[in-house]
């Protein structure tokens, strides 16, 4: 499942959630305001100048590793769940 970042327009709390693309979180769990969450656009690769071209490759590798770690956490969590 994709990872999404949200920010509350009321209390500025930020959270990360994993859900399908069709789903959208709306209500802040911290302050309880209904409909206050705004999805924050994610960044994968930033714009680079000629002198920074090598940084794009390292940024991609860093993000791939981050996504891999998140996937492993999800797998471990799913393995612990009991299904009826």
PDB file of N, CA and C in Angstrom:
ATOM      1  N   UNK A   1       0.833  -1.179   0.000  1.00  0.00           N
ATOM      2  CA  UNK A   1       0.000   0.000   0.000  1.00  0.00           C
ATOM      3  C   UNK A   1       0.881   1.248   0.000  1.00  0.00           C
ATOM      4  N   UNK A   2       0.427   2.274  -0.692  1.00  0.00           N
ATOM      5  CA  UNK A   2       1.205   3.512  -0.734  1.00  0.00           C
ATOM      6  C   UNK A   2       1.233   4.233   0.613  1.00  0.00           C
ATOM      7  N   UNK A   3       2.270   5.016   0.785  1.00  0.00           N
ATOM      8  CA  UNK A   3       2.449   5.798   2.013  1.00  0.00           C
ATOM      9  C   UNK A   3       2.058   7.243   1.711  1.00  0.00           C
ATOM     10  N   UNK A   4       1.196   7.810   2.557  1.00  0.00           N
ATOM     11  CA  UNK A   4       0.739   9.176   2.380  1.00  0.00           C
ATOM     12  C   UNK A   4       1.039   9.985   3.633  1.00  0.00           C
ATOM     13  N   UNK A   5       1.355  11.248   3.429  1.00  0.00           N
ATOM     14  CA  UNK A   5       1.615  12.158   4.533  1.00  0.00           C
ATOM     15  C   UNK A   5       0.467  13.163   4.593  1.00  0.00           C
ATOM     16  N   UNK A   6      -0.034  13.415   5.802  1.00  0.00           N
ATOM     17  CA  UNK A   6      -1.124  14.355   6.018  1.00  0.00           C
ATOM     18  C   UNK A   6      -0.712  15.396   7.045  1.00  0.00           C
ATOM     19  N   UNK A   7      -1.330  16.583   6.946  1.00  0.00           N
ATOM     20  CA  UNK A   7      -1.132  17.642   7.924  1.00  0.00           C
ATOM     21  C   UNK A   7      -2.498  18.191   8.303  1.00  0.00           C
ATOM     22  N   UNK A   8      -2.700  18.417   9.592  1.00  0.00           N
ATOM     23  CA  UNK A   8      -3.962  18.969  10.076  1.00  0.00           C
ATOM     24  C   UNK A   8      -3.943  20.483   9.878  1.00  0.00           C
ATOM     25  N   UNK A   9      -4.969  21.006   9.218  1.00  0.00           N
ATOM     26  CA  UNK A   9      -5.063  22.447   8.984  1.00  0.00           C
ATOM     27  C   UNK A   9      -5.362  23.205  10.270  1.00  0.00           C
ATOM     28  N   UNK A  10      -5.837  22.509  11.292  1.00  0.00           N
ATOM     29  CA  UNK A  10      -6.202  23.162  12.549  1.00  0.00           C
ATOM     30  C   UNK A  10      -5.048  23.184  13.553  1.00  0.00           C
ATOM     31  N   UNK A  11      -4.428  22.021  13.807  1.00  0.00           N
ATOM     32  CA  UNK A  11      -3.387  21.950  14.849  1.00  0.00           C
ATOM     33  C   UNK A  11      -1.977  21.736  14.288  1.00  0.00           C
ATOM     34  N   UNK A  12      -1.836  21.624  12.961  1.00  0.00           N
ATOM     35  CA  UNK A  12      -0.543  21.417  12.278  1.00  0.00           C
ATOM     36  C   UNK A  12       0.126  20.083  12.596  1.00  0.00           C
ATOM     37  N   UNK A  13      -0.604  19.143  13.212  1.00  0.00           N
ATOM     38  CA  UNK A  13      -0.063  17.810  13.446  1.00  0.00           C
ATOM     39  C   UNK A  13       0.179  17.136  12.096  1.00  0.00           C
ATOM     40  N   UNK A  14       1.288  16.411  11.974  1.00  0.00           N
ATOM     41  CA  UNK A  14       1.578  15.662  10.754  1.00  0.00           C
ATOM     42  C   UNK A  14       1.561  14.179  11.067  1.00  0.00           C
ATOM     43  N   UNK A  15       1.057  13.392  10.113  1.00  0.00           N
ATOM     44  CA  UNK A  15       1.038  11.948  10.291  1.00  0.00           C
ATOM     45  C   UNK A  15       1.273  11.258   8.962  1.00  0.00           C
ATOM     46  N   UNK A  16       1.724  10.028   9.048  1.00  0.00           N
ATOM     47  CA  UNK A  16       1.958   9.200   7.875  1.00  0.00           C
ATOM     48  C   UNK A  16       0.998   8.024   7.950  1.00  0.00           C
ATOM     49  N   UNK A  17       0.361   7.703   6.828  1.00  0.00           N
ATOM     50  CA  UNK A  17      -0.603   6.611   6.794  1.00  0.00           C
ATOM     51  C   UNK A  17      -0.376   5.770   5.547  1.00  0.00           C
ATOM     52  N   UNK A  18      -0.663   4.493   5.668  1.00  0.00           N
ATOM     53  CA  UNK A  18      -0.589   3.568   4.548  1.00  0.00           C
ATOM     54  C   UNK A  18      -2.014   3.159   4.193  1.00  0.00           C
ATOM     55  N   UNK A  19      -2.429   3.427   2.965  1.00  0.00           N
ATOM     56  CA  UNK A  19      -3.761   3.031   2.518  1.00  0.00           C
ATOM     57  C   UNK A  19      -3.819   3.049   1.006  1.00  0.00           C
ATOM     58  N   UNK A  20      -4.922   2.535   0.449  1.00  0.00           N
ATOM     59  CA  UNK A  20      -5.058   2.493  -1.003  1.00  0.00           C
ATOM     60  C   UNK A  20      -5.264   3.904  -1.547  1.00  0.00           C
ATOM     61  N   UNK A  21      -5.072   4.045  -2.832  1.00  0.00           N
ATOM     62  CA  UNK A  21      -5.178   5.358  -3.460  1.00  0.00           C
ATOM     63  C   UNK A  21      -6.609   5.896  -3.415  1.00  0.00           C
ATOM     64  N   UNK A  22      -7.596   5.005  -3.334  1.00  0.00           N
ATOM     65  CA  UNK A  22      -8.987   5.438  -3.284  1.00  0.00           C
ATOM     66  C   UNK A  22      -9.372   6.025  -1.925  1.00  0.00           C
ATOM     67  N   UNK A  23      -8.676   5.628  -0.881  1.00  0.00           N
ATOM     68  CA  UNK A  23      -8.985   6.116   0.456  1.00  0.00           C
ATOM     69  C   UNK A  23      -8.370   7.491   0.687  1.00  0.00           C
ATOM     70  N   UNK A  24      -8.965   8.243   1.595  1.00  0.00           N
ATOM     71  CA  UNK A  24      -8.413   9.530   1.978  1.00  0.00           C
ATOM     72  C   UNK A  24      -8.800   9.798   3.434  1.00  0.00           C
ATOM     73  N   UNK A  25      -7.809  10.097   4.255  1.00  0.00           N
ATOM     74  CA  UNK A  25      -8.088  10.435   5.641  1.00  0.00           C
ATOM     75  C   UNK A  25      -8.612  11.862   5.697  1.00  0.00           C
ATOM     76  N   UNK A  26      -9.542  12.113   6.604  1.00  0.00           N
ATOM     77  CA  UNK A  26     -10.155  13.441   6.689  1.00  0.00           C
ATOM     78  C   UNK A  26     -10.075  14.043   8.085  1.00  0.00           C
ATOM     79  N   UNK A  27     -10.192  13.214   9.116  1.00  0.00           N
ATOM     80  CA  UNK A  27     -10.342  13.709  10.481  1.00  0.00           C
ATOM     81  C   UNK A  27      -9.041  13.568  11.268  1.00  0.00           C
ATOM     82  N   UNK A  28      -8.664  14.643  11.980  1.00  0.00           N
ATOM     83  CA  UNK A  28      -7.446  14.639  12.789  1.00  0.00           C
ATOM     84  C   UNK A  28      -7.673  13.827  14.052  1.00  0.00           C
ATOM     85  N   UNK A  29      -6.771  12.888  14.312  1.00  0.00           N
ATOM     86  CA  UNK A  29      -6.868  12.054  15.506  1.00  0.00           C
ATOM     87  C   UNK A  29      -6.332  12.762  16.747  1.00  0.00           C
ATOM     88  N   UNK A  30      -5.574  13.834  16.571  1.00  0.00           N
ATOM     89  CA  UNK A  30      -4.985  14.550  17.700  1.00  0.00           C
ATOM     90  C   UNK A  30      -5.961  15.581  18.261  1.00  0.00           C
ATOM     91  N   UNK A  31      -6.445  16.475  17.389  1.00  0.00           N
ATOM     92  CA  UNK A  31      -7.331  17.542  17.887  1.00  0.00           C
ATOM     93  C   UNK A  31      -8.808  17.214  17.691  1.00  0.00           C
ATOM     94  N   UNK A  32      -9.101  16.183  16.872  1.00  0.00           N
ATOM     95  CA  UNK A  32     -10.478  15.737  16.682  1.00  0.00           C
ATOM     96  C   UNK A  32     -11.304  16.549  15.696  1.00  0.00           C
ATOM     97  N   UNK A  33     -10.700  17.513  15.015  1.00  0.00           N
ATOM     98  CA  UNK A  33     -11.449  18.335  14.060  1.00  0.00           C
ATOM     99  C   UNK A  33     -11.776  17.492  12.824  1.00  0.00           C
ATOM    100  N   UNK A  34     -13.027  17.468  12.456  1.00  0.00           N
ATOM    101  CA  UNK A  34     -13.496  16.666  11.326  1.00  0.00           C
ATOM    102  C   UNK A  34     -13.198  17.392  10.020  1.00  0.00           C
ATOM    103  N   UNK A  35     -12.617  16.670   9.074  1.00  0.00           N
ATOM    104  CA  UNK A  35     -12.327  17.214   7.753  1.00  0.00           C
ATOM    105  C   UNK A  35     -11.151  18.164   7.699  1.00  0.00           C
ATOM    106  N   UNK A  36     -10.265  18.100   8.675  1.00  0.00           N
ATOM    107  CA  UNK A  36      -9.165  19.063   8.745  1.00  0.00           C
ATOM    108  C   UNK A  36      -7.853  18.557   8.141  1.00  0.00           C
ATOM    109  N   UNK A  37      -7.780  17.267   7.771  1.00  0.00           N
ATOM    110  CA  UNK A  37      -6.520  16.745   7.242  1.00  0.00           C
ATOM    111  C   UNK A  37      -6.350  17.093   5.768  1.00  0.00           C
ATOM    112  N   UNK A  38      -5.138  17.496   5.433  1.00  0.00           N
ATOM    113  CA  UNK A  38      -4.764  17.833   4.061  1.00  0.00           C
ATOM    114  C   UNK A  38      -3.628  16.905   3.664  1.00  0.00           C
ATOM    115  N   UNK A  39      -3.762  16.244   2.519  1.00  0.00           N
ATOM    116  CA  UNK A  39      -2.695  15.362   2.044  1.00  0.00           C
ATOM    117  C   UNK A  39      -1.537  16.224   1.559  1.00  0.00           C
ATOM    118  N   UNK A  40      -0.349  15.954   2.085  1.00  0.00           N
ATOM    119  CA  UNK A  40       0.855  16.686   1.712  1.00  0.00           C
ATOM    120  C   UNK A  40       1.498  15.943   0.544  1.00  0.00           C
ATOM    121  N   UNK A  41       1.730  16.623  -0.567  1.00  0.00           N
ATOM    122  CA  UNK A  41       2.356  15.947  -1.709  1.00  0.00           C
ATOM    123  C   UNK A  41       3.720  15.397  -1.335  1.00  0.00           C
ATOM    124  N   UNK A  42       3.989  14.180  -1.751  1.00  0.00           N
ATOM    125  CA  UNK A  42       5.276  13.565  -1.479  1.00  0.00           C
ATOM    126  C   UNK A  42       6.294  13.937  -2.535  1.00  0.00           C
ATOM    127  N   UNK A  43       7.544  13.884  -2.155  1.00  0.00           N
ATOM    128  CA  UNK A  43       8.612  14.136  -3.117  1.00  0.00           C
ATOM    129  C   UNK A  43       9.436  12.877  -3.249  1.00  0.00           C
ATOM    130  N   UNK A  44       9.797  12.576  -4.450  1.00  0.00           N
ATOM    131  CA  UNK A  44      10.632  11.401  -4.672  1.00  0.00           C
ATOM    132  C   UNK A  44      12.006  11.832  -5.147  1.00  0.00           C
ATOM    133  N   UNK A  45      12.060  12.635  -6.168  1.00  0.00           N
ATOM    134  CA  UNK A  45      13.327  13.146  -6.683  1.00  0.00           C
ATOM    135  C   UNK A  45      13.189  14.649  -6.843  1.00  0.00           C
ATOM    136  N   UNK A  46      14.126  15.372  -6.307  1.00  0.00           N
ATOM    137  CA  UNK A  46      14.073  16.821  -6.415  1.00  0.00           C
ATOM    138  C   UNK A  46      14.776  17.292  -7.678  1.00  0.00           C
ATOM    139  N   UNK A  47      14.500  18.520  -8.070  1.00  0.00           N
ATOM    140  CA  UNK A  47      15.200  19.120  -9.209  1.00  0.00           C
ATOM    141  C   UNK A  47      16.657  19.306  -8.835  1.00  0.00           C
ATOM    142  N   UNK A  48      17.532  19.084  -9.793  1.00  0.00           N
ATOM    143  CA  UNK A  48      18.954  19.239  -9.517  1.00  0.00           C
ATOM    144  C   UNK A  48      19.575  20.165 -10.551  1.00  0.00           C
ATOM    145  N   UNK A  49      20.643  20.806 -10.175  1.00  0.00           N
ATOM    146  CA  UNK A  49      21.412  21.602 -11.122  1.00  0.00           C
ATOM    147  C   UNK A  49      22.559  20.741 -11.630  1.00  0.00           C
ATOM    148  N   UNK A  50      23.276  21.238 -12.591  1.00  0.00           N
ATOM    149  CA  UNK A  50      24.353  20.432 -13.178  1.00  0.00           C
ATOM    150  C   UNK A  50      25.370  19.975 -12.146  1.00  0.00           C
ATOM    151  N   UNK A  51      25.678  20.803 -11.183  1.00  0.00           N
ATOM    152  CA  UNK A  51      26.664  20.447 -10.180  1.00  0.00           C
ATOM    153  C   UNK A  51      26.164  19.437  -9.164  1.00  0.00           C
ATOM    154  N   UNK A  52      24.865  19.176  -9.156  1.00  0.00           N
ATOM    155  CA  UNK A  52      24.285  18.289  -8.159  1.00  0.00           C
ATOM    156  C   UNK A  52      23.744  16.999  -8.767  1.00  0.00           C
ATOM    157  N   UNK A  53      24.093  16.656  -9.980  1.00  0.00           N
ATOM    158  CA  UNK A  53      23.523  15.490 -10.642  1.00  0.00           C
ATOM    159  C   UNK A  53      23.796  14.199  -9.900  1.00  0.00           C
ATOM    160  N   UNK A  54      24.914  14.070  -9.245  1.00  0.00           N
ATOM    161  CA  UNK A  54      25.225  12.868  -8.491  1.00  0.00           C
ATOM    162  C   UNK A  54      24.325  12.690  -7.274  1.00  0.00           C
ATOM    163  N   UNK A  55      23.775  13.783  -6.777  1.00  0.00           N
ATOM    164  CA  UNK A  55      22.906  13.708  -5.605  1.00  0.00           C
ATOM    165  C   UNK A  55      21.564  13.064  -5.933  1.00  0.00           C
ATOM    166  N   UNK A  56      21.088  13.203  -7.165  1.00  0.00           N
ATOM    167  CA  UNK A  56      19.799  12.606  -7.529  1.00  0.00           C
ATOM    168  C   UNK A  56      19.863  11.090  -7.397  1.00  0.00           C
ATOM    169  N   UNK A  57      20.934  10.473  -7.840  1.00  0.00           N
ATOM    170  CA  UNK A  57      21.087   9.026  -7.733  1.00  0.00           C
ATOM    171  C   UNK A  57      21.121   8.560  -6.286  1.00  0.00           C
ATOM    172  N   UNK A  58      21.829   9.301  -5.447  1.00  0.00           N
ATOM    173  CA  UNK A  58      21.885   8.909  -4.036  1.00  0.00           C
ATOM    174  C   UNK A  58      20.543   9.132  -3.356  1.00  0.00           C
ATOM    175  N   UNK A  59      19.796  10.156  -3.778  1.00  0.00           N
ATOM    176  CA  UNK A  59      18.472  10.396  -3.218  1.00  0.00           C
ATOM    177  C   UNK A  59      17.518   9.271  -3.598  1.00  0.00           C
ATOM    178  N   UNK A  60      17.598   8.809  -4.836  1.00  0.00           N
ATOM    179  CA  UNK A  60      16.756   7.698  -5.277  1.00  0.00           C
ATOM    180  C   UNK A  60      17.083   6.446  -4.466  1.00  0.00           C
ATOM    181  N   UNK A  61      18.359   6.150  -4.293  1.00  0.00           N
ATOM    182  CA  UNK A  61      18.761   4.978  -3.504  1.00  0.00           C
ATOM    183  C   UNK A  61      18.265   5.104  -2.062  1.00  0.00           C
ATOM    184  N   UNK A  62      18.353   6.288  -1.494  1.00  0.00           N
ATOM    185  CA  UNK A  62      17.897   6.519  -0.125  1.00  0.00           C
ATOM    186  C   UNK A  62      16.385   6.278  -0.012  1.00  0.00           C
ATOM    187  N   UNK A  63      15.616   6.793  -0.971  1.00  0.00           N
ATOM    188  CA  UNK A  63      14.163   6.622  -0.940  1.00  0.00           C
ATOM    189  C   UNK A  63      13.769   5.164  -1.157  1.00  0.00           C
ATOM    190  N   UNK A  64      14.469   4.465  -2.038  1.00  0.00           N
ATOM    191  CA  UNK A  64      14.184   3.046  -2.255  1.00  0.00           C
ATOM    192  C   UNK A  64      14.416   2.273  -0.963  1.00  0.00           C
ATOM    193  N   UNK A  65      15.491   2.565  -0.269  1.00  0.00           N
ATOM    194  CA  UNK A  65      15.772   1.892   1.005  1.00  0.00           C
ATOM    195  C   UNK A  65      14.700   2.226   2.052  1.00  0.00           C
ATOM    196  N   UNK A  66      14.272   3.483   2.074  1.00  0.00           N
ATOM    197  CA  UNK A  66      13.217   3.899   2.999  1.00  0.00           C
ATOM    198  C   UNK A  66      11.917   3.140   2.711  1.00  0.00           C
ATOM    199  N   UNK A  67      11.545   3.030   1.437  1.00  0.00           N
ATOM    200  CA  UNK A  67      10.342   2.296   1.054  1.00  0.00           C
ATOM    201  C   UNK A  67      10.477   0.810   1.394  1.00  0.00           C
ATOM    202  N   UNK A  68      11.670   0.259   1.210  1.00  0.00           N
ATOM    203  CA  UNK A  68      11.919  -1.147   1.527  1.00  0.00           C
ATOM    204  C   UNK A  68      11.730  -1.396   3.020  1.00  0.00           C
ATOM    205  N   UNK A  69      12.237  -0.500   3.858  1.00  0.00           N
ATOM    206  CA  UNK A  69      12.072  -0.626   5.306  1.00  0.00           C
ATOM    207  C   UNK A  69      10.597  -0.544   5.703  1.00  0.00           C
ATOM    208  N   UNK A  70       9.866   0.385   5.082  1.00  0.00           N
ATOM    209  CA  UNK A  70       8.433   0.508   5.363  1.00  0.00           C
ATOM    210  C   UNK A  70       7.693  -0.770   4.974  1.00  0.00           C
ATOM    211  N   UNK A  71       8.050  -1.354   3.848  1.00  0.00           N
ATOM    212  CA  UNK A  71       7.412  -2.587   3.397  1.00  0.00           C
ATOM    213  C   UNK A  71       7.690  -3.732   4.365  1.00  0.00           C
ATOM    214  N   UNK A  72       8.915  -3.823   4.857  1.00  0.00           N
ATOM    215  CA  UNK A  72       9.259  -4.866   5.825  1.00  0.00           C
ATOM    216  C   UNK A  72       8.457  -4.697   7.117  1.00  0.00           C
ATOM    217  N   UNK A  73       8.274  -3.453   7.567  1.00  0.00           N
ATOM    218  CA  UNK A  73       7.469  -3.201   8.762  1.00  0.00           C
ATOM    219  C   UNK A  73       6.029  -3.653   8.537  1.00  0.00           C
ATOM    220  N   UNK A  74       5.495  -3.369   7.354  1.00  0.00           N
ATOM    221  CA  UNK A  74       4.134  -3.788   7.037  1.00  0.00           C
ATOM    222  C   UNK A  74       4.022  -5.306   7.017  1.00  0.00           C
ATOM    223  N   UNK A  75       5.016  -5.979   6.451  1.00  0.00           N
ATOM    224  CA  UNK A  75       5.004  -7.441   6.401  1.00  0.00           C
ATOM    225  C   UNK A  75       5.033  -8.033   7.808  1.00  0.00           C
ATOM    226  N   UNK A  76       5.887  -7.478   8.676  1.00  0.00           N
ATOM    227  CA  UNK A  76       5.964  -7.974  10.048  1.00  0.00           C
ATOM    228  C   UNK A  76       4.643  -7.748  10.777  1.00  0.00           C
ATOM    229  N   UNK A  77       4.036  -6.586  10.576  1.00  0.00           N
ATOM    230  CA  UNK A  77       2.752  -6.288  11.209  1.00  0.00           C
ATOM    231  C   UNK A  77       1.659  -7.210  10.720  1.00  0.00           C
ATOM    232  N   UNK A  78       1.654  -7.503   9.419  1.00  0.00           N
ATOM    233  CA  UNK A  78       0.638  -8.396   8.859  1.00  0.00           C
ATOM    234  C   UNK A  78       0.834  -9.823   9.349  1.00  0.00           C
ATOM    235  N   UNK A  79       2.076 -10.235   9.547  1.00  0.00           N
ATOM    236  CA  UNK A  79       2.358 -11.600  10.013  1.00  0.00           C
ATOM    237  C   UNK A  79       1.893 -11.788  11.448  1.00  0.00           C
ATOM    238  N   UNK A  80       1.884 -10.722  12.245  1.00  0.00           N
ATOM    239  CA  UNK A  80       1.468 -10.804  13.645  1.00  0.00           C
ATOM    240  C   UNK A  80      -0.037 -10.837  13.810  1.00  0.00           C
ATOM    241  N   UNK A  81      -0.759 -10.340  12.827  1.00  0.00           N
ATOM    242  CA  UNK A  81      -2.221 -10.303  12.914  1.00  0.00           C
ATOM    243  C   UNK A  81      -2.788 -11.710  12.805  1.00  0.00           C
ATOM    244  N   UNK A  82      -3.853 -11.948  13.541  1.00  0.00           N
ATOM    245  CA  UNK A  82      -4.556 -13.215  13.411  1.00  0.00           C
ATOM    246  C   UNK A  82      -5.802 -12.984  12.573  1.00  0.00           C
ATOM    247  N   UNK A  83      -6.064 -13.903  11.700  1.00  0.00           N
ATOM    248  CA  UNK A  83      -7.206 -13.792  10.816  1.00  0.00           C
ATOM    249  C   UNK A  83      -8.278 -14.806  11.204  1.00  0.00           C
ATOM    250  N   UNK A  84      -9.510 -14.353  11.238  1.00  0.00           N
ATOM    251  CA  UNK A  84     -10.618 -15.237  11.578  1.00  0.00           C
ATOM    252  C   UNK A  84     -11.071 -16.017  10.358  1.00  0.00           C
TER     253      UNK A  84
END
